[in-house]
Amino acid sequence: MSFLPVTTEDEAAAAVFRGSPTILIDGADLFPGAPTAGGLSCRVYPSAAGLAGVPDLADLTTALESRLSR
């Protein structure tokens, strides 16, 4: 696993950066329907309490299980 820092808008555009945090498995976004502004921005995820900075643990678990069962 490798992590490449994205520090400029140009790097974000080149990497098709969706905002942070974005969780990718084999390059596929675990939450493709989550709102994203792209670029050097924070990403938000829907939760029971409204938009949040990270996915709910239950939603993350479901997304991972779904991805692993393919």
PDB file of N, CA and C in Angstrom:
ATOM      1  N   MET A   1       0.842  -1.156   0.000  1.00  0.00           N
ATOM      2  CA  MET A   1       0.000   0.000   0.000  1.00  0.00           C
ATOM      3  C   MET A   1       0.895   1.229   0.000  1.00  0.00           C
ATOM      4  N   SER A   2       0.518   2.202  -0.793  1.00  0.00           N
ATOM      5  CA  SER A   2       1.305   3.423  -0.810  1.00  0.00           C
ATOM      6  C   SER A   2       0.395   4.630  -0.672  1.00  0.00           C
ATOM      7  N   PHE A   3       0.915   5.650  -0.080  1.00  0.00           N
ATOM      8  CA  PHE A   3       0.191   6.898   0.102  1.00  0.00           C
ATOM      9  C   PHE A   3       1.015   8.003  -0.528  1.00  0.00           C
ATOM     10  N   LEU A   4       0.408   8.738  -1.415  1.00  0.00           N
ATOM     11  CA  LEU A   4       1.083   9.855  -2.039  1.00  0.00           C
ATOM     12  C   LEU A   4       0.458  11.137  -1.536  1.00  0.00           C
ATOM     13  N   PRO A   5       1.246  12.011  -0.960  1.00  0.00           N
ATOM     14  CA  PRO A   5       0.667  13.260  -0.480  1.00  0.00           C
ATOM     15  C   PRO A   5       0.193  14.124  -1.650  1.00  0.00           C
ATOM     16  N   VAL A   6      -0.950  14.732  -1.491  1.00  0.00           N
ATOM     17  CA  VAL A   6      -1.492  15.671  -2.466  1.00  0.00           C
ATOM     18  C   VAL A   6      -1.465  17.027  -1.784  1.00  0.00           C
ATOM     19  N   THR A   7      -0.633  17.929  -2.278  1.00  0.00           N
ATOM     20  CA  THR A   7      -0.434  19.190  -1.575  1.00  0.00           C
ATOM     21  C   THR A   7      -0.788  20.434  -2.384  1.00  0.00           C
ATOM     22  N   THR A   8      -1.063  20.254  -3.676  1.00  0.00           N
ATOM     23  CA  THR A   8      -1.429  21.410  -4.503  1.00  0.00           C
ATOM     24  C   THR A   8      -2.693  21.094  -5.297  1.00  0.00           C
ATOM     25  N   GLU A   9      -3.359  22.142  -5.773  1.00  0.00           N
ATOM     26  CA  GLU A   9      -4.551  21.943  -6.605  1.00  0.00           C
ATOM     27  C   GLU A   9      -4.199  21.196  -7.891  1.00  0.00           C
ATOM     28  N   ASP A  10      -3.018  21.451  -8.459  1.00  0.00           N
ATOM     29  CA  ASP A  10      -2.598  20.742  -9.667  1.00  0.00           C
ATOM     30  C   ASP A  10      -2.431  19.251  -9.401  1.00  0.00           C
ATOM     31  N   GLU A  11      -1.821  18.895  -8.265  1.00  0.00           N
ATOM     32  CA  GLU A  11      -1.677  17.476  -7.901  1.00  0.00           C
ATOM     33  C   GLU A  11      -3.050  16.854  -7.675  1.00  0.00           C
ATOM     34  N   ALA A  12      -3.951  17.597  -7.048  1.00  0.00           N
ATOM     35  CA  ALA A  12      -5.301  17.088  -6.801  1.00  0.00           C
ATOM     36  C   ALA A  12      -6.019  16.820  -8.115  1.00  0.00           C
ATOM     37  N   ALA A  13      -5.907  17.728  -9.060  1.00  0.00           N
ATOM     38  CA  ALA A  13      -6.554  17.540 -10.359  1.00  0.00           C
ATOM     39  C   ALA A  13      -5.947  16.354 -11.108  1.00  0.00           C
ATOM     40  N   ALA A  14      -4.626  16.234 -11.077  1.00  0.00           N
ATOM     41  CA  ALA A  14      -3.953  15.136 -11.769  1.00  0.00           C
ATOM     42  C   ALA A  14      -4.327  13.780 -11.175  1.00  0.00           C
ATOM     43  N   ALA A  15      -4.542  13.740  -9.864  1.00  0.00           N
ATOM     44  CA  ALA A  15      -4.872  12.486  -9.183  1.00  0.00           C
ATOM     45  C   ALA A  15      -6.383  12.230  -9.131  1.00  0.00           C
ATOM     46  N   VAL A  16      -7.185  13.120  -9.704  1.00  0.00           N
ATOM     47  CA  VAL A  16      -8.642  13.066  -9.599  1.00  0.00           C
ATOM     48  C   VAL A  16      -9.022  12.880  -8.129  1.00  0.00           C
ATOM     49  N   PHE A  17      -8.424  13.719  -7.313  1.00  0.00           N
ATOM     50  CA  PHE A  17      -8.604  13.654  -5.865  1.00  0.00           C
ATOM     51  C   PHE A  17     -10.024  14.069  -5.502  1.00  0.00           C
ATOM     52  N   ARG A  18     -10.702  13.273  -4.696  1.00  0.00           N
ATOM     53  CA  ARG A  18     -12.104  13.484  -4.359  1.00  0.00           C
ATOM     54  C   ARG A  18     -12.303  14.248  -3.060  1.00  0.00           C
ATOM     55  N   GLY A  19     -11.232  14.604  -2.398  1.00  0.00           N
ATOM     56  CA  GLY A  19     -11.330  15.228  -1.083  1.00  0.00           C
ATOM     57  C   GLY A  19     -10.886  14.239  -0.027  1.00  0.00           C
ATOM     58  N   SER A  20     -10.673  14.729   1.154  1.00  0.00           N
ATOM     59  CA  SER A  20     -10.138  13.898   2.217  1.00  0.00           C
ATOM     60  C   SER A  20     -11.100  13.857   3.397  1.00  0.00           C
ATOM     61  N   PRO A  21     -11.337  12.679   3.954  1.00  0.00           N
ATOM     62  CA  PRO A  21     -10.777  11.382   3.583  1.00  0.00           C
ATOM     63  C   PRO A  21     -11.606  10.696   2.502  1.00  0.00           C
ATOM     64  N   THR A  22     -10.931  10.033   1.596  1.00  0.00           N
ATOM     65  CA  THR A  22     -11.566   9.172   0.607  1.00  0.00           C
ATOM     66  C   THR A  22     -10.980   7.784   0.804  1.00  0.00           C
ATOM     67  N   ILE A  23     -11.839   6.781   0.851  1.00  0.00           N
ATOM     68  CA  ILE A  23     -11.398   5.408   1.079  1.00  0.00           C
ATOM     69  C   ILE A  23     -11.511   4.654  -0.237  1.00  0.00           C
ATOM     70  N   LEU A  24     -10.359   4.224  -0.770  1.00  0.00           N
ATOM     71  CA  LEU A  24     -10.309   3.497  -2.031  1.00  0.00           C
ATOM     72  C   LEU A  24      -9.866   2.062  -1.782  1.00  0.00           C
ATOM     73  N   ILE A  25     -10.503   1.133  -2.465  1.00  0.00           N
ATOM     74  CA  ILE A  25     -10.077  -0.261  -2.469  1.00  0.00           C
ATOM     75  C   ILE A  25      -9.816  -0.614  -3.928  1.00  0.00           C
ATOM     76  N   ASP A  26      -8.585  -0.980  -4.248  1.00  0.00           N
ATOM     77  CA  ASP A  26      -8.184  -1.256  -5.635  1.00  0.00           C
ATOM     78  C   ASP A  26      -8.591  -0.118  -6.558  1.00  0.00           C
ATOM     79  N   GLY A  27      -8.475   1.108  -6.076  1.00  0.00           N
ATOM     80  CA  GLY A  27      -8.786   2.285  -6.872  1.00  0.00           C
ATOM     81  C   GLY A  27     -10.249   2.665  -6.932  1.00  0.00           C
ATOM     82  N   ALA A  28     -11.118   1.831  -6.340  1.00  0.00           N
ATOM     83  CA  ALA A  28     -12.558   2.109  -6.364  1.00  0.00           C
ATOM     84  C   ALA A  28     -12.990   2.788  -5.064  1.00  0.00           C
ATOM     85  N   ASP A  29     -13.746   3.852  -5.193  1.00  0.00           N
ATOM     86  CA  ASP A  29     -14.254   4.612  -4.060  1.00  0.00           C
ATOM     87  C   ASP A  29     -15.311   3.779  -3.327  1.00  0.00           C
ATOM     88  N   LEU A  30     -15.137   3.570  -2.018  1.00  0.00           N
ATOM     89  CA  LEU A  30     -16.122   2.810  -1.251  1.00  0.00           C
ATOM     90  C   LEU A  30     -17.444   3.559  -1.109  1.00  0.00           C
ATOM     91  N   PHE A  31     -17.423   4.861  -1.292  1.00  0.00           N
ATOM     92  CA  PHE A  31     -18.623   5.683  -1.147  1.00  0.00           C
ATOM     93  C   PHE A  31     -18.785   6.589  -2.366  1.00  0.00           C
ATOM     94  N   PRO A  32     -19.026   5.993  -3.546  1.00  0.00           N
ATOM     95  CA  PRO A  32     -19.071   6.796  -4.762  1.00  0.00           C
ATOM     96  C   PRO A  32     -20.199   7.828  -4.768  1.00  0.00           C
ATOM     97  N   GLY A  33     -21.235   7.625  -3.983  1.00  0.00           N
ATOM     98  CA  GLY A  33     -22.350   8.561  -3.958  1.00  0.00           C
ATOM     99  C   GLY A  33     -22.200   9.681  -2.953  1.00  0.00           C
ATOM    100  N   ALA A  34     -21.131   9.638  -2.148  1.00  0.00           N
ATOM    101  CA  ALA A  34     -20.923  10.677  -1.135  1.00  0.00           C
ATOM    102  C   ALA A  34     -20.553  11.985  -1.820  1.00  0.00           C
ATOM    103  N   PRO A  35     -21.044  13.102  -1.300  1.00  0.00           N
ATOM    104  CA  PRO A  35     -20.714  14.393  -1.915  1.00  0.00           C
ATOM    105  C   PRO A  35     -19.214  14.632  -1.928  1.00  0.00           C
ATOM    106  N   THR A  36     -18.729  15.219  -3.001  1.00  0.00           N
ATOM    107  CA  THR A  36     -17.309  15.542  -3.095  1.00  0.00           C
ATOM    108  C   THR A  36     -17.133  16.841  -3.855  1.00  0.00           C
ATOM    109  N   ALA A  37     -16.315  17.702  -3.319  1.00  0.00           N
ATOM    110  CA  ALA A  37     -16.010  18.952  -4.000  1.00  0.00           C
ATOM    111  C   ALA A  37     -14.754  18.791  -4.838  1.00  0.00           C
ATOM    112  N   GLY A  38     -13.988  17.734  -4.572  1.00  0.00           N
ATOM    113  CA  GLY A  38     -12.738  17.511  -5.284  1.00  0.00           C
ATOM    114  C   GLY A  38     -11.684  18.524  -4.873  1.00  0.00           C
ATOM    115  N   GLY A  39     -10.515  18.376  -5.430  1.00  0.00           N
ATOM    116  CA  GLY A  39      -9.438  19.295  -5.103  1.00  0.00           C
ATOM    117  C   GLY A  39      -9.003  19.156  -3.658  1.00  0.00           C
ATOM    118  N   LEU A  40      -8.345  20.175  -3.174  1.00  0.00           N
ATOM    119  CA  LEU A  40      -7.851  20.167  -1.791  1.00  0.00           C
ATOM    120  C   LEU A  40      -8.992  20.588  -0.868  1.00  0.00           C
ATOM    121  N   SER A  41      -9.869  19.662  -0.612  1.00  0.00           N
ATOM    122  CA  SER A  41     -11.029  19.958   0.224  1.00  0.00           C
ATOM    123  C   SER A  41     -11.316  18.790   1.153  1.00  0.00           C
ATOM    124  N   CYS A  42     -12.123  19.067   2.136  1.00  0.00           N
ATOM    125  CA  CYS A  42     -12.596  18.007   3.013  1.00  0.00           C
ATOM    126  C   CYS A  42     -13.794  17.353   2.348  1.00  0.00           C
ATOM    127  N   ARG A  43     -13.937  16.083   2.565  1.00  0.00           N
ATOM    128  CA  ARG A  43     -15.068  15.351   2.025  1.00  0.00           C
ATOM    129  C   ARG A  43     -16.046  15.094   3.158  1.00  0.00           C
ATOM    130  N   VAL A  44     -17.320  15.044   2.851  1.00  0.00           N
ATOM    131  CA  VAL A  44     -18.325  14.758   3.863  1.00  0.00           C
ATOM    132  C   VAL A  44     -19.098  13.504   3.475  1.00  0.00           C
ATOM    133  N   TYR A  45     -19.662  12.872   4.486  1.00  0.00           N
ATOM    134  CA  TYR A  45     -20.407  11.635   4.302  1.00  0.00           C
ATOM    135  C   TYR A  45     -21.762  11.756   4.983  1.00  0.00           C
ATOM    136  N   PRO A  46     -22.814  11.217   4.370  1.00  0.00           N
ATOM    137  CA  PRO A  46     -24.118  11.243   5.030  1.00  0.00           C
ATOM    138  C   PRO A  46     -24.092  10.353   6.271  1.00  0.00           C
ATOM    139  N   SER A  47     -24.741  10.815   7.322  1.00  0.00           N
ATOM    140  CA  SER A  47     -24.856  10.017   8.549  1.00  0.00           C
ATOM    141  C   SER A  47     -26.230  10.270   9.149  1.00  0.00           C
ATOM    142  N   ALA A  48     -26.568   9.531  10.166  1.00  0.00           N
ATOM    143  CA  ALA A  48     -27.861   9.703  10.830  1.00  0.00           C
ATOM    144  C   ALA A  48     -28.005  11.101  11.418  1.00  0.00           C
ATOM    145  N   ALA A  49     -26.888  11.727  11.765  1.00  0.00           N
ATOM    146  CA  ALA A  49     -26.914  13.063  12.369  1.00  0.00           C
ATOM    147  C   ALA A  49     -26.717  14.180  11.342  1.00  0.00           C
ATOM    148  N   GLY A  50     -26.672  13.843  10.063  1.00  0.00           N
ATOM    149  CA  GLY A  50     -26.399  14.823   9.019  1.00  0.00           C
ATOM    150  C   GLY A  50     -25.061  14.523   8.378  1.00  0.00           C
ATOM    151  N   LEU A  51     -24.470  15.506   7.731  1.00  0.00           N
ATOM    152  CA  LEU A  51     -23.177  15.283   7.092  1.00  0.00           C
ATOM    153  C   LEU A  51     -22.071  15.217   8.135  1.00  0.00           C
ATOM    154  N   ALA A  52     -21.120  14.287   7.915  1.00  0.00           N
ATOM    155  CA  ALA A  52     -20.020  14.081   8.863  1.00  0.00           C
ATOM    156  C   ALA A  52     -18.704  14.004   8.085  1.00  0.00           C
ATOM    157  N   GLY A  53     -17.602  14.205   8.781  1.00  0.00           N
ATOM    158  CA  GLY A  53     -16.283  14.188   8.161  1.00  0.00           C
ATOM    159  C   GLY A  53     -15.740  12.809   7.864  1.00  0.00           C
ATOM    160  N   VAL A  54     -16.383  11.773   8.378  1.00  0.00           N
ATOM    161  CA  VAL A  54     -16.004  10.385   8.109  1.00  0.00           C
ATOM    162  C   VAL A  54     -17.284   9.558   8.016  1.00  0.00           C
ATOM    163  N   PRO A  55     -17.240   8.426   7.321  1.00  0.00           N
ATOM    164  CA  PRO A  55     -18.435   7.583   7.272  1.00  0.00           C
ATOM    165  C   PRO A  55     -18.713   6.960   8.643  1.00  0.00           C
ATOM    166  N   ASP A  56     -19.996   6.678   8.902  1.00  0.00           N
ATOM    167  CA  ASP A  56     -20.354   5.941  10.119  1.00  0.00           C
ATOM    168  C   ASP A  56     -19.670   4.581  10.086  1.00  0.00           C
ATOM    169  N   LEU A  57     -19.318   4.065  11.256  1.00  0.00           N
ATOM    170  CA  LEU A  57     -18.657   2.756  11.334  1.00  0.00           C
ATOM    171  C   LEU A  57     -19.513   1.672  10.693  1.00  0.00           C
ATOM    172  N   ALA A  58     -20.817   1.703  10.926  1.00  0.00           N
ATOM    173  CA  ALA A  58     -21.704   0.690  10.334  1.00  0.00           C
ATOM    174  C   ALA A  58     -21.695   0.786   8.810  1.00  0.00           C
ATOM    175  N   ASP A  59     -21.707   2.008   8.273  1.00  0.00           N
ATOM    176  CA  ASP A  59     -21.671   2.190   6.823  1.00  0.00           C
ATOM    177  C   ASP A  59     -20.331   1.734   6.246  1.00  0.00           C
ATOM    178  N   LEU A  60     -19.251   2.017   6.951  1.00  0.00           N
ATOM    179  CA  LEU A  60     -17.934   1.586   6.508  1.00  0.00           C
ATOM    180  C   LEU A  60     -17.837   0.062   6.506  1.00  0.00           C
ATOM    181  N   THR A  61     -18.329  -0.565   7.556  1.00  0.00           N
ATOM    182  CA  THR A  61     -18.319  -2.021   7.646  1.00  0.00           C
ATOM    183  C   THR A  61     -19.120  -2.637   6.509  1.00  0.00           C
ATOM    184  N   THR A  62     -20.303  -2.093   6.250  1.00  0.00           N
ATOM    185  CA  THR A  62     -21.159  -2.603   5.164  1.00  0.00           C
ATOM    186  C   THR A  62     -20.465  -2.449   3.819  1.00  0.00           C
ATOM    187  N   ALA A  63     -19.860  -1.282   3.574  1.00  0.00           N
ATOM    188  CA  ALA A  63     -19.184  -1.041   2.299  1.00  0.00           C
ATOM    189  C   ALA A  63     -18.008  -1.997   2.120  1.00  0.00           C
ATOM    190  N   LEU A  64     -17.236  -2.220   3.175  1.00  0.00           N
ATOM    191  CA  LEU A  64     -16.106  -3.143   3.096  1.00  0.00           C
ATOM    192  C   LEU A  64     -16.568  -4.563   2.864  1.00  0.00           C
ATOM    193  N   GLU A  65     -17.585  -4.991   3.587  1.00  0.00           N
ATOM    194  CA  GLU A  65     -18.104  -6.354   3.404  1.00  0.00           C
ATOM    195  C   GLU A  65     -18.634  -6.550   1.988  1.00  0.00           C
ATOM    196  N   SER A  66     -19.327  -5.538   1.458  1.00  0.00           N
ATOM    197  CA  SER A  66     -19.867  -5.620   0.108  1.00  0.00           C
ATOM    198  C   SER A  66     -18.739  -5.722  -0.909  1.00  0.00           C
ATOM    199  N   ARG A  67     -17.713  -4.924  -0.739  1.00  0.00           N
ATOM    200  CA  ARG A  67     -16.579  -4.928  -1.647  1.00  0.00           C
ATOM    201  C   ARG A  67     -15.822  -6.249  -1.596  1.00  0.00           C
ATOM    202  N   LEU A  68     -15.652  -6.791  -0.389  1.00  0.00           N
ATOM    203  CA  LEU A  68     -14.905  -8.042  -0.246  1.00  0.00           C
ATOM    204  C   LEU A  68     -15.672  -9.266  -0.745  1.00  0.00           C
ATOM    205  N   SER A  69     -16.988  -9.166  -0.817  1.00  0.00           N
ATOM    206  CA  SER A  69     -17.781 -10.311  -1.245  1.00  0.00           C
ATOM    207  C   SER A  69     -17.878 -10.409  -2.762  1.00  0.00           C
ATOM    208  N   ARG A  70     -17.300  -9.464  -3.492  1.00  0.00           N
ATOM    209  CA  ARG A  70     -17.335  -9.504  -4.962  1.00  0.00           C
ATOM    210  C   ARG A  70     -16.397 -10.518  -5.517  1.00  0.00           C
TER     211      ARG A  70
END
